[in-house]
Amino acid sequence: MITRNFRISKPYHYILFFIGLICIFLFQRLKNQRGTQSFDFVIESVTFLFFLASMFLVVFIITKNKLTQKNSFAALYFFILISLIPQTLSDYKIIIANGFILLSYRRIFSLETKLNMKKKYFDAALWLSIATLFHACSVLYFIPLLATIILRPNDWFKHLLVLIFGAGSAGLSVYLFATVFGMKPSFFMFYSPKFNFAALSSIPQMMKVSLGVISVMTIGSFLSLFPQLILKKSKKRINFIILFLMLFMGLITPFLAVNMFAENTLFLIFPLAVILAISTHRQRLSWLSDLFLIVLLSLVLLNLGLNIENQISLY
């Protein structure tokens, strides 16, 4: 029933998702500002613009590179995952870093066309380097980028040099910024990543339930799709290998965070939404997909109700 409604992509689907995501963003940002004396209008405006751009980038990357069929499942899962873990929108540096990572994804997936390869490698390395300045764990996403060179070995040395020049350009820009303004950019998030499994014990009970359901769906999707998309040779095989690498990096990142497990799951949402969308489309038992979506949407409504109740109780 639910899958039937989203199996064919329609413009109003995206309008509803965008409106819902903007409402969640504003609610979470206002919630974070409660109890603080300062409100930085510039930072909040830039953060909102990056989040808005990220939503359009998600749709553009998926449709332009045909990562899924012509359906709205990926956008639906993107909305659901953000709704279940609204804490992903709590830190502006992570939102900005994720925006730059999505810009790099746009270039990485378009490498399949084999057109303007050097420019795309340069841009991808540049965007990832800038993202790393905002969040150190963004450096992990150089692994999928390097994997594209291994999987497409033609002119690999030249492409590797282009990556170095792209990353160097970002470093040079930072150096010039610091020199011209005589200051260290305070908005950069530098820290030594360390695995922190204890972070799981501190997250809210509702989030644990949501993560449990999402984990079951993720494992099921991985087991069903891996043989079809990775082991079988196809035109899209390389892009799907890269997508699974991005998923793996997204799974690692929250555990490398410094008491920011929930916030760092933002990096996981794009690849996970795409993989869940592919799995839902290929699922022969539509009732099973409907069942999981009903559970997820019920959790979204329950989570929304609890958040509203908590805010009302503060007045």
Protein backbone atom coordinates (compact mmCIF):
# COMPACT_ATOMS: atom_id res chain seq x y z
CA MET A 1 0.00 0.00 0.00
CA ILE A 2 2.65 2.53 1.06
CA THR A 3 5.22 1.25 -1.42
CA ARG A 4 2.66 1.48 -4.22
CA ASN A 5 2.21 5.22 -3.56
CA PHE A 6 5.94 5.97 -3.78
CA ARG A 7 6.90 3.48 -6.51
CA ILE A 8 6.41 6.20 -9.13
CA SER A 9 8.14 9.51 -8.40
CA LYS A 10 5.83 12.53 -8.29
CA PRO A 11 6.70 16.22 -7.71
CA TYR A 12 4.39 16.57 -4.70
CA HIS A 13 6.34 13.82 -2.92
CA TYR A 14 9.45 15.98 -2.89
CA ILE A 15 7.52 19.10 -1.92
CA LEU A 16 6.08 17.30 1.12
CA PHE A 17 9.48 15.89 2.08
CA PHE A 18 11.18 19.28 1.75
CA ILE A 19 8.54 21.02 3.85
CA GLY A 20 8.76 18.29 6.49
CA LEU A 21 12.56 18.41 6.62
CA ILE A 22 12.61 22.20 6.87
CA CYS A 23 10.16 22.03 9.80
CA ILE A 24 12.35 19.43 11.54
CA PHE A 25 15.44 21.55 10.91
CA LEU A 26 13.86 24.71 12.36
CA PHE A 27 12.44 22.81 15.34
CA GLN A 28 15.80 21.20 16.16
CA ARG A 29 17.81 24.41 15.72
CA LEU A 30 15.38 26.40 17.91
CA LYS A 31 15.47 23.59 20.46
CA ASN A 32 19.28 23.83 20.56
CA GLN A 33 19.14 27.59 21.05
CA ARG A 34 16.82 27.29 24.06
CA GLY A 35 18.64 28.20 27.25
CA THR A 36 21.48 29.99 25.47
CA GLN A 37 21.99 33.73 25.59
CA SER A 38 23.49 34.15 22.13
CA PHE A 39 22.05 33.63 18.67
CA ASP A 40 24.43 33.87 15.74
CA PHE A 41 22.23 34.85 12.80
CA VAL A 42 25.03 34.42 10.25
CA ILE A 43 25.90 30.88 11.35
CA GLU A 44 22.26 29.82 11.51
CA SER A 45 21.56 31.30 8.06
CA VAL A 46 24.59 29.58 6.50
CA THR A 47 23.63 26.30 8.20
CA PHE A 48 20.08 26.54 6.84
CA LEU A 49 21.36 27.25 3.32
CA PHE A 50 23.70 24.24 3.49
CA PHE A 51 20.88 22.01 4.70
CA LEU A 52 18.57 23.31 1.97
CA ALA A 53 21.28 22.72 -0.65
CA SER A 54 21.89 19.24 0.79
CA MET A 55 18.26 18.26 0.21
CA PHE A 56 18.44 19.31 -3.44
CA LEU A 57 21.83 17.59 -3.83
CA VAL A 58 20.42 14.31 -2.52
CA VAL A 59 17.65 14.32 -5.14
CA PHE A 60 20.01 15.51 -7.89
CA ILE A 61 22.69 12.88 -7.20
CA ILE A 62 20.16 10.04 -7.12
CA THR A 63 18.24 11.04 -10.25
CA LYS A 64 21.17 12.26 -12.34
CA ASN A 65 23.23 9.12 -11.76
CA LYS A 66 20.22 6.77 -11.76
CA LEU A 67 21.20 5.19 -8.44
CA THR A 68 17.58 4.11 -7.99
CA GLN A 69 14.67 3.59 -10.34
CA LYS A 70 12.19 6.38 -11.00
CA ASN A 71 10.61 6.27 -7.56
CA SER A 72 10.54 8.38 -4.39
CA PHE A 73 11.81 5.73 -2.00
CA ALA A 74 15.24 7.31 -1.45
CA ALA A 75 13.72 10.71 -0.60
CA LEU A 76 11.17 8.99 1.65
CA TYR A 77 13.89 7.15 3.58
CA PHE A 78 16.01 10.30 3.78
CA PHE A 79 13.05 12.08 5.39
CA ILE A 80 12.31 9.16 7.75
CA LEU A 81 15.93 8.81 8.91
CA ILE A 82 16.26 12.54 9.63
CA SER A 83 12.92 12.48 11.45
CA LEU A 84 13.97 9.52 13.60
CA ILE A 85 17.31 11.10 14.50
CA PRO A 86 16.72 14.90 14.45
CA GLN A 87 19.85 15.29 16.60
CA THR A 88 21.75 14.99 13.30
CA LEU A 89 20.82 18.65 12.77
CA SER A 90 22.21 19.84 16.11
CA ASP A 91 25.74 20.77 15.06
CA TYR A 92 26.24 23.33 12.29
CA LYS A 93 29.79 22.14 11.55
CA ILE A 94 28.55 18.62 10.81
CA ILE A 95 25.76 19.95 8.57
CA ILE A 96 28.24 22.06 6.61
CA ALA A 97 30.76 19.20 6.36
CA ASN A 98 28.00 16.88 5.13
CA GLY A 99 27.06 19.46 2.49
CA PHE A 100 30.60 19.45 1.11
CA ILE A 101 30.70 15.64 1.22
CA LEU A 102 27.50 15.55 -0.86
CA LEU A 103 29.15 17.90 -3.36
CA SER A 104 32.01 15.39 -3.62
CA TYR A 105 29.48 12.54 -4.07
CA ARG A 106 28.03 14.42 -7.02
CA ARG A 107 31.44 14.32 -8.70
CA ILE A 108 32.34 10.78 -7.60
CA PHE A 109 29.20 9.16 -9.02
CA SER A 110 29.43 11.16 -12.25
CA LEU A 111 32.86 9.59 -12.93
CA GLU A 112 30.91 6.74 -14.51
CA THR A 113 30.46 8.84 -17.66
CA LYS A 114 34.28 9.01 -18.07
CA LEU A 115 33.99 12.65 -19.20
CA ASN A 116 36.17 15.44 -17.73
CA MET A 117 37.68 12.91 -15.32
CA LYS A 118 40.51 15.16 -14.10
CA LYS A 119 38.17 18.05 -13.30
CA LYS A 120 35.82 15.75 -11.42
CA TYR A 121 38.67 14.22 -9.39
CA PHE A 122 39.97 17.70 -8.58
CA ASP A 123 36.54 18.94 -7.47
CA ALA A 124 35.84 15.83 -5.38
CA ALA A 125 39.19 16.12 -3.57
CA LEU A 126 38.67 19.85 -3.04
CA TRP A 127 35.19 19.41 -1.53
CA LEU A 128 36.31 16.55 0.72
CA SER A 129 39.30 18.55 1.92
CA ILE A 130 37.07 21.48 2.81
CA ALA A 131 34.68 19.09 4.61
CA THR A 132 37.66 17.72 6.58
CA LEU A 133 38.41 21.23 7.82
CA PHE A 134 34.97 21.33 9.41
CA HIS A 135 34.97 17.74 10.62
CA ALA A 136 38.10 15.59 10.85
CA CYS A 137 36.28 12.30 10.17
CA SER A 138 35.39 13.56 6.68
CA VAL A 139 38.86 12.40 5.65
CA LEU A 140 37.44 8.85 5.67
CA TYR A 141 35.51 9.64 2.51
CA PHE A 142 38.76 9.86 0.58
CA ILE A 143 38.66 6.04 0.74
CA PRO A 144 35.68 5.71 -1.67
CA LEU A 145 37.29 8.38 -3.86
CA LEU A 146 40.60 6.49 -3.98
CA ALA A 147 38.65 3.30 -4.67
CA THR A 148 37.37 4.83 -7.92
CA ILE A 149 40.99 5.13 -9.10
CA ILE A 150 41.64 1.48 -8.25
CA LEU A 151 38.44 0.33 -9.95
CA ARG A 152 39.09 2.53 -13.01
CA PRO A 153 42.88 2.13 -13.39
CA ASN A 154 43.25 4.07 -16.66
CA ASP A 155 45.56 7.07 -16.08
CA TRP A 156 45.57 6.23 -12.37
CA PHE A 157 48.81 8.13 -11.69
CA LYS A 158 47.52 11.33 -13.27
CA HIS A 159 44.25 11.06 -11.37
CA LEU A 160 46.13 10.51 -8.12
CA LEU A 161 48.16 13.66 -8.74
CA VAL A 162 44.95 15.57 -9.44
CA LEU A 163 43.59 14.43 -6.06
CA ILE A 164 46.74 15.72 -4.36
CA PHE A 165 46.43 19.07 -6.13
CA GLY A 166 42.73 19.28 -5.19
CA ALA A 167 43.46 18.60 -1.52
CA GLY A 168 46.43 20.98 -1.64
CA SER A 169 44.23 23.75 -3.02
CA ALA A 170 41.99 23.52 0.03
CA GLY A 171 45.02 23.65 2.33
CA LEU A 172 46.40 26.66 0.48
CA SER A 173 43.08 28.44 0.78
CA VAL A 174 43.10 27.93 4.55
CA TYR A 175 46.67 29.19 4.77
CA LEU A 176 45.76 32.32 2.80
CA PHE A 177 42.70 32.85 5.00
CA ALA A 178 44.79 32.63 8.15
CA THR A 179 47.46 34.92 6.69
CA VAL A 180 45.13 37.62 5.37
CA PHE A 181 42.93 37.80 8.47
CA GLY A 182 45.69 36.99 10.94
CA MET A 183 43.61 34.40 12.76
CA LYS A 184 43.00 30.68 12.96
CA PRO A 185 39.54 29.77 11.65
CA SER A 186 37.72 28.96 14.89
CA PHE A 187 34.88 27.12 13.20
CA PHE A 188 37.09 24.20 12.15
CA MET A 189 36.61 20.99 14.10
CA PHE A 190 40.01 19.41 14.66
CA TYR A 191 40.32 16.48 17.03
CA SER A 192 42.00 13.10 17.11
CA PRO A 193 39.35 10.49 16.17
CA LYS A 194 39.03 7.60 18.64
CA PHE A 195 36.57 4.75 18.74
CA ASN A 196 33.96 5.42 21.40
CA PHE A 197 31.54 2.50 21.80
CA ALA A 198 30.43 3.89 25.16
CA ALA A 199 28.53 6.59 23.23
CA LEU A 200 25.75 4.06 22.57
CA SER A 201 24.88 3.89 26.27
CA SER A 202 24.20 7.63 26.47
CA ILE A 203 21.72 7.93 23.61
CA PRO A 204 17.95 8.20 24.39
CA GLN A 205 15.87 5.01 24.62
CA MET A 206 13.66 6.08 21.71
CA MET A 207 16.70 6.47 19.49
CA LYS A 208 17.92 3.00 20.49
CA VAL A 209 14.62 1.53 19.32
CA SER A 210 14.82 3.46 16.04
CA LEU A 211 18.42 2.39 15.50
CA GLY A 212 17.44 -1.21 16.19
CA VAL A 213 14.74 -1.20 13.49
CA ILE A 214 17.04 0.62 11.05
CA SER A 215 19.83 -1.90 11.77
CA VAL A 216 17.53 -4.84 10.95
CA MET A 217 16.53 -3.20 7.66
CA THR A 218 20.14 -2.32 6.83
CA ILE A 219 21.42 -5.86 7.42
CA GLY A 220 18.54 -7.34 5.43
CA SER A 221 19.11 -4.91 2.55
CA PHE A 222 22.86 -5.54 2.57
CA LEU A 223 22.46 -9.33 2.46
CA SER A 224 19.90 -9.18 -0.34
CA LEU A 225 21.63 -6.55 -2.49
CA PHE A 226 25.31 -7.42 -2.11
CA PRO A 227 25.21 -10.52 -4.37
CA GLN A 228 23.07 -8.73 -6.96
CA LEU A 229 24.86 -5.37 -7.13
CA ILE A 230 28.45 -6.20 -6.21
CA LEU A 231 29.18 -9.80 -7.19
CA LYS A 232 27.41 -9.68 -10.55
CA LYS A 233 29.04 -7.70 -13.34
CA SER A 234 26.95 -4.78 -14.53
CA LYS A 235 27.31 -1.26 -15.87
CA LYS A 236 26.50 0.25 -12.44
CA ARG A 237 28.65 -2.19 -10.44
CA ILE A 238 31.45 0.29 -9.67
CA ASN A 239 29.04 2.96 -8.46
CA PHE A 240 27.37 0.45 -6.15
CA ILE A 241 30.74 -0.65 -4.75
CA ILE A 242 31.45 3.02 -4.01
CA LEU A 243 28.00 3.40 -2.45
CA PHE A 244 28.61 0.47 -0.10
CA LEU A 245 32.00 1.95 0.85
CA MET A 246 30.26 5.25 1.66
CA LEU A 247 27.79 3.31 3.81
CA PHE A 248 30.67 1.63 5.64
CA MET A 249 32.37 5.00 6.26
CA GLY A 250 29.06 6.36 7.54
CA LEU A 251 28.75 3.45 9.97
CA ILE A 252 32.26 4.04 11.32
CA THR A 253 32.04 7.82 11.74
CA PRO A 254 29.58 7.96 14.72
CA PHE A 255 31.89 5.70 16.74
CA LEU A 256 34.81 8.03 16.10
CA ALA A 257 32.92 11.01 17.48
CA VAL A 258 33.67 12.78 20.73
CA ASN A 259 30.34 12.37 22.57
CA MET A 260 28.49 13.19 19.35
CA PHE A 261 27.19 9.79 18.23
CA ALA A 262 23.73 10.97 17.15
CA GLU A 263 24.98 14.09 15.37
CA ASN A 264 27.49 12.11 13.31
CA THR A 265 24.90 9.70 11.97
CA LEU A 266 24.08 12.46 9.46
CA PHE A 267 26.95 11.17 7.31
CA LEU A 268 25.26 7.77 7.19
CA ILE A 269 21.85 8.91 6.01
CA PHE A 270 22.44 9.47 2.27
CA PRO A 271 24.03 6.10 1.39
CA LEU A 272 21.66 4.26 3.72
CA ALA A 273 18.59 5.95 2.18
CA VAL A 274 19.72 4.94 -1.32
CA ILE A 275 20.43 1.33 -0.33
CA LEU A 276 17.09 1.00 1.49
CA ALA A 277 15.35 2.49 -1.57
CA ILE A 278 16.98 -0.03 -3.92
CA SER A 279 16.08 -2.87 -1.57
CA THR A 280 12.46 -1.73 -1.29
CA HIS A 281 12.11 -1.46 -5.07
CA ARG A 282 13.56 -4.94 -5.60
CA GLN A 283 11.61 -6.53 -2.76
CA ARG A 284 9.18 -9.07 -4.22
CA LEU A 285 7.18 -9.30 -1.00
CA SER A 286 5.65 -5.82 -1.00
CA TRP A 287 3.86 -6.52 2.30
CA LEU A 288 7.24 -6.86 4.01
CA SER A 289 8.39 -3.44 2.79
CA ASP A 290 5.02 -1.99 3.80
CA LEU A 291 5.39 -3.50 7.26
CA PHE A 292 8.82 -1.96 7.83
CA LEU A 293 7.65 1.42 6.50
CA ILE A 294 4.61 1.35 8.79
CA VAL A 295 6.89 0.63 11.76
CA LEU A 296 9.29 3.41 10.76
CA LEU A 297 6.53 5.96 10.17
CA SER A 298 4.93 5.01 13.51
CA LEU A 299 8.27 5.63 15.20
CA VAL A 300 8.51 8.99 13.41
CA LEU A 301 5.10 10.05 14.74
CA LEU A 302 5.91 8.76 18.24
CA ASN A 303 9.26 10.56 18.24
CA LEU A 304 7.60 13.76 17.03
CA GLY A 305 4.96 13.53 19.74
CA LEU A 306 7.55 12.98 22.48
CA ASN A 307 9.65 15.92 21.27
CA ILE A 308 6.64 18.25 21.20
CA GLU A 309 5.56 17.06 24.66
CA ASN A 310 9.05 17.68 26.03
CA GLN A 311 9.11 21.20 24.62
CA ILE A 312 5.66 22.02 26.01
CA SER A 313 6.70 20.77 29.45
CA LEU A 314 9.60 23.28 29.45
CA TYR A 315 7.21 26.25 29.39
